[in-house]
Amino acid sequence: MTSESVGGIFGAIVAAIVLAVAVVFGPIGQYGKPPKPKAADQAAPAAASAPAEPAPRGPDVREVPNQ
């Protein structure tokens, strides 16, 4: 066996191990994500409080005197 073939086999083994670890520990689809809160839980606090003022939109534009 030449060093290239040994390196190729070793690289394939390392790639397979990395892929297996990524599948085991990585989130796939909904599996790794926390459950979404229900819509009724989100709407209840908003209805109980007073309506909030809308946030200001856009940058503040101020006139600068020319000198």
N, C-alpha and C. Protein backbone atom coordinates (compact mmCIF):
# COMPACT_ATOMS: atom_id res chain seq x y z
N MET A 1 0.85 -1.19 0.00
CA MET A 1 0.00 0.00 0.00
C MET A 1 0.89 1.24 0.00
N THR A 2 0.44 2.22 -0.77
CA THR A 2 1.19 3.47 -0.79
C THR A 2 0.64 4.42 0.26
N SER A 3 1.36 5.47 0.50
CA SER A 3 0.91 6.41 1.53
C SER A 3 -0.37 7.13 1.11
N GLU A 4 -0.58 7.30 -0.22
CA GLU A 4 -1.82 7.95 -0.67
C GLU A 4 -3.04 7.08 -0.37
N SER A 5 -2.93 5.80 -0.56
CA SER A 5 -4.08 4.93 -0.30
C SER A 5 -4.35 4.82 1.20
N VAL A 6 -3.30 4.78 2.00
CA VAL A 6 -3.50 4.76 3.46
C VAL A 6 -4.14 6.07 3.91
N GLY A 7 -3.68 7.18 3.36
CA GLY A 7 -4.28 8.48 3.71
C GLY A 7 -5.73 8.58 3.26
N GLY A 8 -6.06 8.03 2.11
CA GLY A 8 -7.44 8.04 1.64
C GLY A 8 -8.36 7.22 2.52
N ILE A 9 -7.88 6.05 2.91
CA ILE A 9 -8.68 5.20 3.80
C ILE A 9 -8.86 5.87 5.16
N PHE A 10 -7.77 6.43 5.68
CA PHE A 10 -7.85 7.13 6.98
C PHE A 10 -8.78 8.34 6.88
N GLY A 11 -8.72 9.07 5.78
CA GLY A 11 -9.61 10.23 5.58
C GLY A 11 -11.06 9.81 5.50
N ALA A 12 -11.35 8.70 4.84
CA ALA A 12 -12.72 8.21 4.76
C ALA A 12 -13.24 7.79 6.13
N ILE A 13 -12.39 7.17 6.93
CA ILE A 13 -12.81 6.76 8.27
C ILE A 13 -13.10 7.99 9.12
N VAL A 14 -12.23 9.00 9.07
CA VAL A 14 -12.44 10.22 9.84
C VAL A 14 -13.71 10.93 9.38
N ALA A 15 -13.94 11.00 8.06
CA ALA A 15 -15.15 11.65 7.54
C ALA A 15 -16.41 10.92 8.01
N ALA A 16 -16.38 9.60 8.04
CA ALA A 16 -17.54 8.83 8.49
C ALA A 16 -17.80 9.07 9.98
N ILE A 17 -16.74 9.17 10.78
CA ILE A 17 -16.92 9.44 12.21
C ILE A 17 -17.49 10.83 12.43
N VAL A 18 -16.98 11.82 11.70
CA VAL A 18 -17.48 13.19 11.84
C VAL A 18 -18.93 13.27 11.42
N LEU A 19 -19.30 12.60 10.34
CA LEU A 19 -20.69 12.60 9.89
C LEU A 19 -21.60 11.93 10.92
N ALA A 20 -21.16 10.83 11.51
CA ALA A 20 -21.97 10.15 12.52
C ALA A 20 -22.16 11.03 13.75
N VAL A 21 -21.12 11.71 14.18
CA VAL A 21 -21.24 12.61 15.34
C VAL A 21 -22.18 13.76 15.02
N ALA A 22 -22.11 14.30 13.81
CA ALA A 22 -22.99 15.41 13.43
C ALA A 22 -24.45 14.97 13.42
N VAL A 23 -24.71 13.75 12.97
CA VAL A 23 -26.10 13.26 12.95
C VAL A 23 -26.60 13.01 14.37
N VAL A 24 -25.75 12.49 15.24
CA VAL A 24 -26.19 12.18 16.60
C VAL A 24 -26.42 13.44 17.42
N PHE A 25 -25.50 14.41 17.35
CA PHE A 25 -25.59 15.58 18.20
C PHE A 25 -26.24 16.79 17.54
N GLY A 26 -26.40 16.79 16.25
CA GLY A 26 -26.96 17.94 15.55
C GLY A 26 -28.47 17.90 15.50
N PRO A 27 -29.12 19.07 15.52
CA PRO A 27 -30.57 19.10 15.42
C PRO A 27 -31.02 18.80 13.99
N ILE A 28 -31.90 17.85 13.85
CA ILE A 28 -32.43 17.49 12.54
C ILE A 28 -33.93 17.75 12.56
N GLY A 29 -34.37 18.72 11.79
CA GLY A 29 -35.79 19.04 11.74
C GLY A 29 -36.27 19.57 13.08
N GLN A 30 -37.39 19.08 13.56
CA GLN A 30 -37.97 19.52 14.81
C GLN A 30 -37.33 18.81 16.00
N TYR A 31 -36.49 17.80 15.76
CA TYR A 31 -35.94 16.98 16.85
C TYR A 31 -35.12 17.79 17.84
N GLY A 32 -34.25 18.68 17.37
CA GLY A 32 -33.37 19.39 18.27
C GLY A 32 -33.88 20.74 18.73
N LYS A 33 -35.08 21.13 18.32
CA LYS A 33 -35.61 22.45 18.66
C LYS A 33 -36.56 22.36 19.85
N PRO A 34 -36.64 23.43 20.64
CA PRO A 34 -37.60 23.41 21.75
C PRO A 34 -39.02 23.51 21.21
N PRO A 35 -40.00 23.03 21.95
CA PRO A 35 -41.39 23.10 21.46
C PRO A 35 -41.87 24.53 21.36
N LYS A 36 -42.69 24.78 20.37
CA LYS A 36 -43.22 26.13 20.15
C LYS A 36 -44.32 26.42 21.19
N PRO A 37 -44.37 27.66 21.71
CA PRO A 37 -45.45 27.99 22.66
C PRO A 37 -46.78 28.06 21.93
N LYS A 38 -47.84 27.77 22.68
CA LYS A 38 -49.17 27.79 22.07
C LYS A 38 -49.62 29.22 21.83
N ALA A 39 -50.49 29.42 20.86
CA ALA A 39 -50.97 30.76 20.51
C ALA A 39 -51.80 31.37 21.63
N ALA A 40 -52.52 30.56 22.41
CA ALA A 40 -53.34 31.09 23.49
C ALA A 40 -52.47 31.67 24.60
N ASP A 41 -51.31 31.08 24.84
CA ASP A 41 -50.41 31.60 25.87
C ASP A 41 -49.81 32.94 25.47
N GLN A 42 -49.59 33.15 24.20
CA GLN A 42 -49.00 34.40 23.73
C GLN A 42 -50.03 35.52 23.72
N ALA A 43 -51.27 35.25 23.42
CA ALA A 43 -52.29 36.29 23.28
C ALA A 43 -52.78 36.78 24.64
N ALA A 44 -52.73 35.98 25.68
CA ALA A 44 -53.27 36.36 26.98
C ALA A 44 -52.54 37.55 27.60
N PRO A 45 -51.22 37.61 27.67
CA PRO A 45 -50.58 38.79 28.29
C PRO A 45 -50.79 40.06 27.49
N ALA A 46 -50.89 39.98 26.20
CA ALA A 46 -51.06 41.18 25.38
C ALA A 46 -52.46 41.78 25.60
N ALA A 47 -53.46 40.96 25.79
CA ALA A 47 -54.82 41.45 25.98
C ALA A 47 -55.00 42.07 27.37
N ALA A 48 -54.25 41.62 28.36
CA ALA A 48 -54.42 42.10 29.72
C ALA A 48 -53.79 43.48 29.91
N SER A 49 -52.76 43.83 29.17
CA SER A 49 -52.09 45.11 29.36
C SER A 49 -52.67 46.17 28.43
N ALA A 50 -52.35 47.43 28.72
CA ALA A 50 -52.82 48.53 27.89
C ALA A 50 -52.09 48.50 26.56
N PRO A 51 -52.72 49.03 25.51
CA PRO A 51 -52.04 49.02 24.21
C PRO A 51 -50.78 49.89 24.26
N ALA A 52 -49.72 49.39 23.71
CA ALA A 52 -48.45 50.09 23.73
C ALA A 52 -48.37 51.07 22.57
N GLU A 53 -47.56 52.12 22.75
CA GLU A 53 -47.36 53.08 21.67
C GLU A 53 -46.52 52.43 20.59
N PRO A 54 -46.76 52.80 19.34
CA PRO A 54 -45.94 52.22 18.28
C PRO A 54 -44.51 52.73 18.37
N ALA A 55 -43.58 51.88 18.03
CA ALA A 55 -42.17 52.24 18.08
C ALA A 55 -41.86 53.25 16.98
N PRO A 56 -40.97 54.19 17.24
CA PRO A 56 -40.59 55.13 16.18
C PRO A 56 -39.92 54.40 15.03
N ARG A 57 -40.22 54.83 13.83
CA ARG A 57 -39.69 54.15 12.66
C ARG A 57 -38.73 55.06 11.92
N GLY A 58 -37.69 54.49 11.41
CA GLY A 58 -36.75 55.22 10.58
C GLY A 58 -35.74 56.01 11.38
N PRO A 59 -34.73 56.56 10.71
CA PRO A 59 -33.71 57.33 11.40
C PRO A 59 -34.18 58.75 11.71
N ASP A 60 -33.56 59.38 12.71
CA ASP A 60 -33.84 60.78 12.99
C ASP A 60 -33.10 61.63 11.98
N VAL A 61 -33.83 62.48 11.27
CA VAL A 61 -33.22 63.36 10.29
C VAL A 61 -33.23 64.76 10.87
N ARG A 62 -32.06 65.33 11.04
CA ARG A 62 -31.95 66.67 11.60
C ARG A 62 -31.25 67.57 10.61
N GLU A 63 -31.70 68.81 10.60
CA GLU A 63 -31.05 69.76 9.68
C GLU A 63 -29.76 70.25 10.30
N VAL A 64 -28.72 70.31 9.49
CA VAL A 64 -27.43 70.78 9.93
C VAL A 64 -27.15 72.10 9.21
N PRO A 65 -26.83 73.17 9.96
CA PRO A 65 -26.59 74.45 9.28
C PRO A 65 -25.30 74.40 8.45
N ASN A 66 -25.36 75.03 7.28
CA ASN A 66 -24.18 75.12 6.42
C ASN A 66 -23.33 76.29 6.85
N GLN A 67 -22.05 76.08 6.97
CA GLN A 67 -21.17 77.17 7.37
C GLN A 67 -20.10 77.41 6.36
